[in-house]
């Protein structure tokens, strides 16, 4: 399942802004996946986009809404466009119950052993794990206390660092959730449902 020129994307940024834009060009990415060139619209300025930012995107194909994550590789103000690297070839169908759903949300993180605090962006979430992106180097097997900022609600959980990858702009970490209260799972589920509904509304409303 690949993104094509002319596709309408719903784009979610960790500034809590979700907007739509059109794909104007698609090329192969050097590390696999795609480089997608997208129109820079007025709504983009509300999100305060920067190169390296992580985004969650959705698009429609054969009456299904597909979701994946990506990051910004270039912003060209003069040409009114920006480019997205879509490395992940795994796409999630919007209407299915989510196991791991692409997002772009802020998180406050406390490393338990060192007591050091820092900010990260969550790239996908599920009830048993999440992917976190940050410029902070962290050793594997460290425990982290994490607060997710989901619109006007928060979710707190404890997770363990399972794996680490150094990418072009920061580090990606795979985290396994060790503790999260049941009520917090309901908050997360409501957030994902709102995000799915907003994506559908934006994409179908653009047709």
C-alpha atoms as a PDB file:
ATOM      1  CA  UNK A   1       0.000   0.000   0.000  1.00  0.00           C
ATOM      2  CA  UNK A   2       1.738   3.156  -1.219  1.00  0.00           C
ATOM      3  CA  UNK A   3       0.884   6.836  -1.201  1.00  0.00           C
ATOM      4  CA  UNK A   4       0.267   8.311  -4.659  1.00  0.00           C
ATOM      5  CA  UNK A   5       0.369  11.778  -6.227  1.00  0.00           C
ATOM      6  CA  UNK A   6      -3.013  13.454  -5.821  1.00  0.00           C
ATOM      7  CA  UNK A   7      -3.812  11.704  -2.529  1.00  0.00           C
ATOM      8  CA  UNK A   8      -5.326  13.864   0.204  1.00  0.00           C
ATOM      9  CA  UNK A   9      -3.521  13.414   3.511  1.00  0.00           C
ATOM     10  CA  UNK A  10      -4.802  14.072   6.996  1.00  0.00           C
ATOM     11  CA  UNK A  11      -1.699  15.220   8.890  1.00  0.00           C
ATOM     12  CA  UNK A  12      -1.456  15.238  12.706  1.00  0.00           C
ATOM     13  CA  UNK A  13       1.320  17.149  14.486  1.00  0.00           C
ATOM     14  CA  UNK A  14       2.299  17.025  18.169  1.00  0.00           C
ATOM     15  CA  UNK A  15       1.215  20.668  18.554  1.00  0.00           C
ATOM     16  CA  UNK A  16      -2.341  19.175  18.592  1.00  0.00           C
ATOM     17  CA  UNK A  17      -3.015  20.482  15.085  1.00  0.00           C
ATOM     18  CA  UNK A  18      -4.554  18.207  12.432  1.00  0.00           C
ATOM     19  CA  UNK A  19      -4.942  19.501   8.871  1.00  0.00           C
ATOM     20  CA  UNK A  20      -5.274  18.230   5.291  1.00  0.00           C
ATOM     21  CA  UNK A  21      -3.006  18.708   2.304  1.00  0.00           C
ATOM     22  CA  UNK A  22      -2.513  17.194  -1.141  1.00  0.00           C
ATOM     23  CA  UNK A  23       0.379  15.020  -2.328  1.00  0.00           C
ATOM     24  CA  UNK A  24       2.046  16.584  -5.378  1.00  0.00           C
ATOM     25  CA  UNK A  25       4.961  14.175  -5.912  1.00  0.00           C
ATOM     26  CA  UNK A  26       6.258  10.811  -4.642  1.00  0.00           C
ATOM     27  CA  UNK A  27       9.777   9.369  -4.889  1.00  0.00           C
ATOM     28  CA  UNK A  28      11.715   6.453  -3.408  1.00  0.00           C
ATOM     29  CA  UNK A  29      13.408   7.115  -0.055  1.00  0.00           C
ATOM     30  CA  UNK A  30      17.090   6.227   0.241  1.00  0.00           C
ATOM     31  CA  UNK A  31      16.476   4.105   3.352  1.00  0.00           C
ATOM     32  CA  UNK A  32      13.424   2.391   1.882  1.00  0.00           C
ATOM     33  CA  UNK A  33       9.857   3.653   1.799  1.00  0.00           C
ATOM     34  CA  UNK A  34       8.837   6.913   0.137  1.00  0.00           C
ATOM     35  CA  UNK A  35       9.575  10.623   0.044  1.00  0.00           C
ATOM     36  CA  UNK A  36       6.221  12.384  -0.272  1.00  0.00           C
ATOM     37  CA  UNK A  37       6.050  16.030  -1.384  1.00  0.00           C
ATOM     38  CA  UNK A  38       3.023  17.847   0.034  1.00  0.00           C
ATOM     39  CA  UNK A  39       1.534  21.302  -0.469  1.00  0.00           C
ATOM     40  CA  UNK A  40       2.323  23.806   2.295  1.00  0.00           C
ATOM     41  CA  UNK A  41      -1.099  25.277   3.134  1.00  0.00           C
ATOM     42  CA  UNK A  42      -2.126  28.083   5.484  1.00  0.00           C
ATOM     43  CA  UNK A  43      -3.188  25.509   8.075  1.00  0.00           C
ATOM     44  CA  UNK A  44       0.395  24.192   8.188  1.00  0.00           C
ATOM     45  CA  UNK A  45       1.597  27.435   9.770  1.00  0.00           C
ATOM     46  CA  UNK A  46      -0.634  26.792  12.794  1.00  0.00           C
ATOM     47  CA  UNK A  47       1.332  23.623  13.559  1.00  0.00           C
ATOM     48  CA  UNK A  48       4.769  25.332  13.660  1.00  0.00           C
ATOM     49  CA  UNK A  49       6.412  22.660  11.534  1.00  0.00           C
ATOM     50  CA  UNK A  50      10.172  22.043  11.632  1.00  0.00           C
ATOM     51  CA  UNK A  51      12.464  19.671   9.765  1.00  0.00           C
ATOM     52  CA  UNK A  52      12.757  16.432  11.724  1.00  0.00           C
ATOM     53  CA  UNK A  53       9.264  16.706  13.236  1.00  0.00           C
ATOM     54  CA  UNK A  54       7.328  13.461  13.536  1.00  0.00           C
ATOM     55  CA  UNK A  55       3.865  13.364  11.959  1.00  0.00           C
ATOM     56  CA  UNK A  56       0.997  10.872  11.815  1.00  0.00           C
ATOM     57  CA  UNK A  57      -0.688  10.775   8.414  1.00  0.00           C
ATOM     58  CA  UNK A  58      -3.826   9.148   7.010  1.00  0.00           C
ATOM     59  CA  UNK A  59      -5.191   8.735   3.498  1.00  0.00           C
ATOM     60  CA  UNK A  60      -8.054   6.968   1.745  1.00  0.00           C
ATOM     61  CA  UNK A  61      -7.629   3.970  -0.553  1.00  0.00           C
ATOM     62  CA  UNK A  62     -10.480   1.766  -1.828  1.00  0.00           C
ATOM     63  CA  UNK A  63     -12.943   3.090   0.778  1.00  0.00           C
ATOM     64  CA  UNK A  64     -10.531   2.419   3.675  1.00  0.00           C
ATOM     65  CA  UNK A  65      -8.609   5.000   5.728  1.00  0.00           C
ATOM     66  CA  UNK A  66      -4.950   3.985   6.176  1.00  0.00           C
ATOM     67  CA  UNK A  67      -2.574   5.420   8.793  1.00  0.00           C
ATOM     68  CA  UNK A  68       1.198   5.507   9.197  1.00  0.00           C
ATOM     69  CA  UNK A  69       3.946   7.700  10.667  1.00  0.00           C
ATOM     70  CA  UNK A  70       6.649   9.799   8.972  1.00  0.00           C
ATOM     71  CA  UNK A  71       8.985  12.740   9.570  1.00  0.00           C
ATOM     72  CA  UNK A  72       9.648  16.021   7.782  1.00  0.00           C
ATOM     73  CA  UNK A  73      12.882  16.108   5.770  1.00  0.00           C
ATOM     74  CA  UNK A  74      12.511  19.497   4.056  1.00  0.00           C
ATOM     75  CA  UNK A  75      10.371  22.637   4.231  1.00  0.00           C
ATOM     76  CA  UNK A  76      10.490  25.036   1.255  1.00  0.00           C
ATOM     77  CA  UNK A  77       8.585  28.226   2.033  1.00  0.00           C
ATOM     78  CA  UNK A  78       9.225  29.841  -1.378  1.00  0.00           C
ATOM     79  CA  UNK A  79       7.829  26.868  -3.288  1.00  0.00           C
ATOM     80  CA  UNK A  80       5.056  26.314  -0.717  1.00  0.00           C
ATOM     81  CA  UNK A  81       5.830  22.649  -0.139  1.00  0.00           C
ATOM     82  CA  UNK A  82       7.342  20.253   2.379  1.00  0.00           C
ATOM     83  CA  UNK A  83       8.683  16.720   2.091  1.00  0.00           C
ATOM     84  CA  UNK A  84       7.891  13.708   4.283  1.00  0.00           C
ATOM     85  CA  UNK A  85       9.960  10.545   4.668  1.00  0.00           C
ATOM     86  CA  UNK A  86       7.619   7.577   5.079  1.00  0.00           C
ATOM     87  CA  UNK A  87       9.939   4.774   6.178  1.00  0.00           C
ATOM     88  CA  UNK A  88       7.340   2.549   7.780  1.00  0.00           C
ATOM     89  CA  UNK A  89       5.669   0.238   5.263  1.00  0.00           C
ATOM     90  CA  UNK A  90       3.156  -0.888   7.876  1.00  0.00           C
ATOM     91  CA  UNK A  91      -0.203   0.819   7.480  1.00  0.00           C
ATOM     92  CA  UNK A  92      -3.042   0.592   9.990  1.00  0.00           C
ATOM     93  CA  UNK A  93      -6.651   0.517   8.795  1.00  0.00           C
ATOM     94  CA  UNK A  94      -8.543   3.243  10.606  1.00  0.00           C
ATOM     95  CA  UNK A  95     -11.748   1.393  11.489  1.00  0.00           C
ATOM     96  CA  UNK A  96     -10.067  -1.645  13.016  1.00  0.00           C
ATOM     97  CA  UNK A  97      -9.552  -1.947  16.755  1.00  0.00           C
ATOM     98  CA  UNK A  98      -6.064  -0.592  17.208  1.00  0.00           C
ATOM     99  CA  UNK A  99      -3.113  -2.685  18.272  1.00  0.00           C
ATOM    100  CA  UNK A 100      -0.500  -0.054  17.441  1.00  0.00           C
ATOM    101  CA  UNK A 101      -1.791   3.258  16.112  1.00  0.00           C
ATOM    102  CA  UNK A 102       0.360   6.009  14.514  1.00  0.00           C
ATOM    103  CA  UNK A 103       0.211   9.306  16.403  1.00  0.00           C
ATOM    104  CA  UNK A 104       2.252  12.452  16.977  1.00  0.00           C
ATOM    105  CA  UNK A 105       1.849  13.613  20.571  1.00  0.00           C
ATOM    106  CA  UNK A 106       3.949  15.310  23.240  1.00  0.00           C
ATOM    107  CA  UNK A 107       5.153  13.370  26.259  1.00  0.00           C
ATOM    108  CA  UNK A 108       6.910  14.358  29.454  1.00  0.00           C
ATOM    109  CA  UNK A 109       9.425  11.698  30.495  1.00  0.00           C
ATOM    110  CA  UNK A 110      11.228  10.946  33.765  1.00  0.00           C
ATOM    111  CA  UNK A 111      14.092   8.438  33.726  1.00  0.00           C
ATOM    112  CA  UNK A 112      13.640   6.673  37.058  1.00  0.00           C
ATOM    113  CA  UNK A 113      17.280   5.836  37.802  1.00  0.00           C
ATOM    114  CA  UNK A 114      18.823   9.230  37.028  1.00  0.00           C
ATOM    115  CA  UNK A 115      15.681  11.299  37.858  1.00  0.00           C
ATOM    116  CA  UNK A 116      16.370  13.257  34.657  1.00  0.00           C
ATOM    117  CA  UNK A 117      13.351  14.785  32.922  1.00  0.00           C
ATOM    118  CA  UNK A 118      12.967  15.502  29.207  1.00  0.00           C
ATOM    119  CA  UNK A 119      10.392  15.935  26.447  1.00  0.00           C
ATOM    120  CA  UNK A 120       9.675  13.391  23.713  1.00  0.00           C
ATOM    121  CA  UNK A 121       7.244  12.762  20.862  1.00  0.00           C
ATOM    122  CA  UNK A 122       5.269   9.517  20.725  1.00  0.00           C
ATOM    123  CA  UNK A 123       5.072   8.034  17.209  1.00  0.00           C
ATOM    124  CA  UNK A 124       2.658   5.178  17.899  1.00  0.00           C
ATOM    125  CA  UNK A 125       0.814   3.735  20.870  1.00  0.00           C
ATOM    126  CA  UNK A 126      -0.945   0.562  21.957  1.00  0.00           C
ATOM    127  CA  UNK A 127      -2.075  -0.891  25.270  1.00  0.00           C
ATOM    128  CA  UNK A 128       1.198  -2.767  25.745  1.00  0.00           C
ATOM    129  CA  UNK A 129       3.814  -0.527  24.121  1.00  0.00           C
ATOM    130  CA  UNK A 130       4.738   2.647  22.296  1.00  0.00           C
ATOM    131  CA  UNK A 131       7.405   4.150  20.074  1.00  0.00           C
ATOM    132  CA  UNK A 132       9.093   7.277  21.392  1.00  0.00           C
ATOM    133  CA  UNK A 133      11.292   9.797  19.574  1.00  0.00           C
ATOM    134  CA  UNK A 134      13.674  12.130  21.425  1.00  0.00           C
ATOM    135  CA  UNK A 135      17.155  13.632  21.122  1.00  0.00           C
ATOM    136  CA  UNK A 136      17.973  12.269  24.563  1.00  0.00           C
ATOM    137  CA  UNK A 137      20.228   9.138  24.536  1.00  0.00           C
ATOM    138  CA  UNK A 138      18.854   6.433  26.842  1.00  0.00           C
ATOM    139  CA  UNK A 139      20.263   2.983  27.557  1.00  0.00           C
ATOM    140  CA  UNK A 140      18.151  -0.087  26.897  1.00  0.00           C
ATOM    141  CA  UNK A 141      16.308  -1.697  29.840  1.00  0.00           C
ATOM    142  CA  UNK A 142      15.815   1.646  31.626  1.00  0.00           C
ATOM    143  CA  UNK A 143      12.445   2.344  33.286  1.00  0.00           C
ATOM    144  CA  UNK A 144      10.634   5.557  32.339  1.00  0.00           C
ATOM    145  CA  UNK A 145       7.650   7.342  33.876  1.00  0.00           C
ATOM    146  CA  UNK A 146       5.740   8.939  31.006  1.00  0.00           C
ATOM    147  CA  UNK A 147       2.915  11.457  30.815  1.00  0.00           C
ATOM    148  CA  UNK A 148       1.101  11.641  27.463  1.00  0.00           C
ATOM    149  CA  UNK A 149      -0.657  14.891  26.550  1.00  0.00           C
ATOM    150  CA  UNK A 150      -3.801  13.907  24.646  1.00  0.00           C
ATOM    151  CA  UNK A 151      -5.608  17.147  23.790  1.00  0.00           C
ATOM    152  CA  UNK A 152      -7.061  18.294  27.139  1.00  0.00           C
ATOM    153  CA  UNK A 153      -6.468  14.949  28.893  1.00  0.00           C
ATOM    154  CA  UNK A 154      -3.334  13.166  30.105  1.00  0.00           C
ATOM    155  CA  UNK A 155      -2.305   9.530  30.457  1.00  0.00           C
ATOM    156  CA  UNK A 156       0.433   8.412  32.844  1.00  0.00           C
ATOM    157  CA  UNK A 157       2.264   5.093  32.582  1.00  0.00           C
ATOM    158  CA  UNK A 158       5.543   3.334  33.316  1.00  0.00           C
ATOM    159  CA  UNK A 159       7.497   1.716  30.481  1.00  0.00           C
ATOM    160  CA  UNK A 160      10.783  -0.075  29.876  1.00  0.00           C
ATOM    161  CA  UNK A 161      13.179   0.654  26.986  1.00  0.00           C
ATOM    162  CA  UNK A 162      13.317  -2.494  24.829  1.00  0.00           C
ATOM    163  CA  UNK A 163      15.222  -1.254  21.758  1.00  0.00           C
ATOM    164  CA  UNK A 164      16.888   1.865  20.374  1.00  0.00           C
ATOM    165  CA  UNK A 165      17.587   3.197  16.860  1.00  0.00           C
ATOM    166  CA  UNK A 166      19.577   6.325  15.993  1.00  0.00           C
ATOM    167  CA  UNK A 167      17.875   8.058  13.061  1.00  0.00           C
ATOM    168  CA  UNK A 168      18.744  11.198  11.099  1.00  0.00           C
ATOM    169  CA  UNK A 169      17.397  13.689  13.633  1.00  0.00           C
ATOM    170  CA  UNK A 170      17.015  11.877  16.965  1.00  0.00           C
ATOM    171  CA  UNK A 171      16.629   8.465  18.628  1.00  0.00           C
ATOM    172  CA  UNK A 172      13.654   6.137  18.229  1.00  0.00           C
ATOM    173  CA  UNK A 173      12.875   3.881  21.192  1.00  0.00           C
ATOM    174  CA  UNK A 174      10.610   0.875  21.459  1.00  0.00           C
ATOM    175  CA  UNK A 175       8.985   0.825  24.893  1.00  0.00           C
ATOM    176  CA  UNK A 176       7.062  -1.918  26.676  1.00  0.00           C
ATOM    177  CA  UNK A 177       4.418  -0.673  29.088  1.00  0.00           C
ATOM    178  CA  UNK A 178       4.901  -2.098  32.586  1.00  0.00           C
ATOM    179  CA  UNK A 179       2.052  -0.288  34.349  1.00  0.00           C
ATOM    180  CA  UNK A 180      -0.951   1.773  33.266  1.00  0.00           C
ATOM    181  CA  UNK A 181      -4.207   2.051  35.198  1.00  0.00           C
ATOM    182  CA  UNK A 182      -7.305   0.669  33.479  1.00  0.00           C
ATOM    183  CA  UNK A 183      -8.998   4.072  33.522  1.00  0.00           C
ATOM    184  CA  UNK A 184      -6.038   5.532  31.655  1.00  0.00           C
ATOM    185  CA  UNK A 185      -6.561   2.949  28.900  1.00  0.00           C
ATOM    186  CA  UNK A 186     -10.074   4.342  28.439  1.00  0.00           C
ATOM    187  CA  UNK A 187      -8.648   7.865  28.098  1.00  0.00           C
ATOM    188  CA  UNK A 188      -6.249   6.583  25.417  1.00  0.00           C
ATOM    189  CA  UNK A 189      -9.060   4.765  23.612  1.00  0.00           C
ATOM    190  CA  UNK A 190     -11.206   7.919  23.533  1.00  0.00           C
ATOM    191  CA  UNK A 191      -8.281   9.921  22.124  1.00  0.00           C
ATOM    192  CA  UNK A 192      -7.683   7.408  19.313  1.00  0.00           C
ATOM    193  CA  UNK A 193     -11.404   7.366  18.486  1.00  0.00           C
ATOM    194  CA  UNK A 194     -11.440  11.177  18.271  1.00  0.00           C
ATOM    195  CA  UNK A 195      -8.361  11.157  16.044  1.00  0.00           C
ATOM    196  CA  UNK A 196      -9.867   8.521  13.735  1.00  0.00           C
ATOM    197  CA  UNK A 197     -13.137  10.451  13.433  1.00  0.00           C
ATOM    198  CA  UNK A 198     -11.302  13.689  12.696  1.00  0.00           C
ATOM    199  CA  UNK A 199      -9.212  12.005   9.991  1.00  0.00           C
ATOM    200  CA  UNK A 200     -12.317  10.585   8.326  1.00  0.00           C
ATOM    201  CA  UNK A 201     -14.110  13.934   8.498  1.00  0.00           C
ATOM    202  CA  UNK A 202     -11.180  15.852   6.986  1.00  0.00           C
ATOM    203  CA  UNK A 203     -10.409  13.370   4.221  1.00  0.00           C
ATOM    204  CA  UNK A 204     -13.986  12.669   3.155  1.00  0.00           C
ATOM    205  CA  UNK A 205     -14.911  16.344   3.480  1.00  0.00           C
ATOM    206  CA  UNK A 206     -12.176  17.254   0.995  1.00  0.00           C
ATOM    207  CA  UNK A 207     -13.670  15.095  -1.780  1.00  0.00           C
END
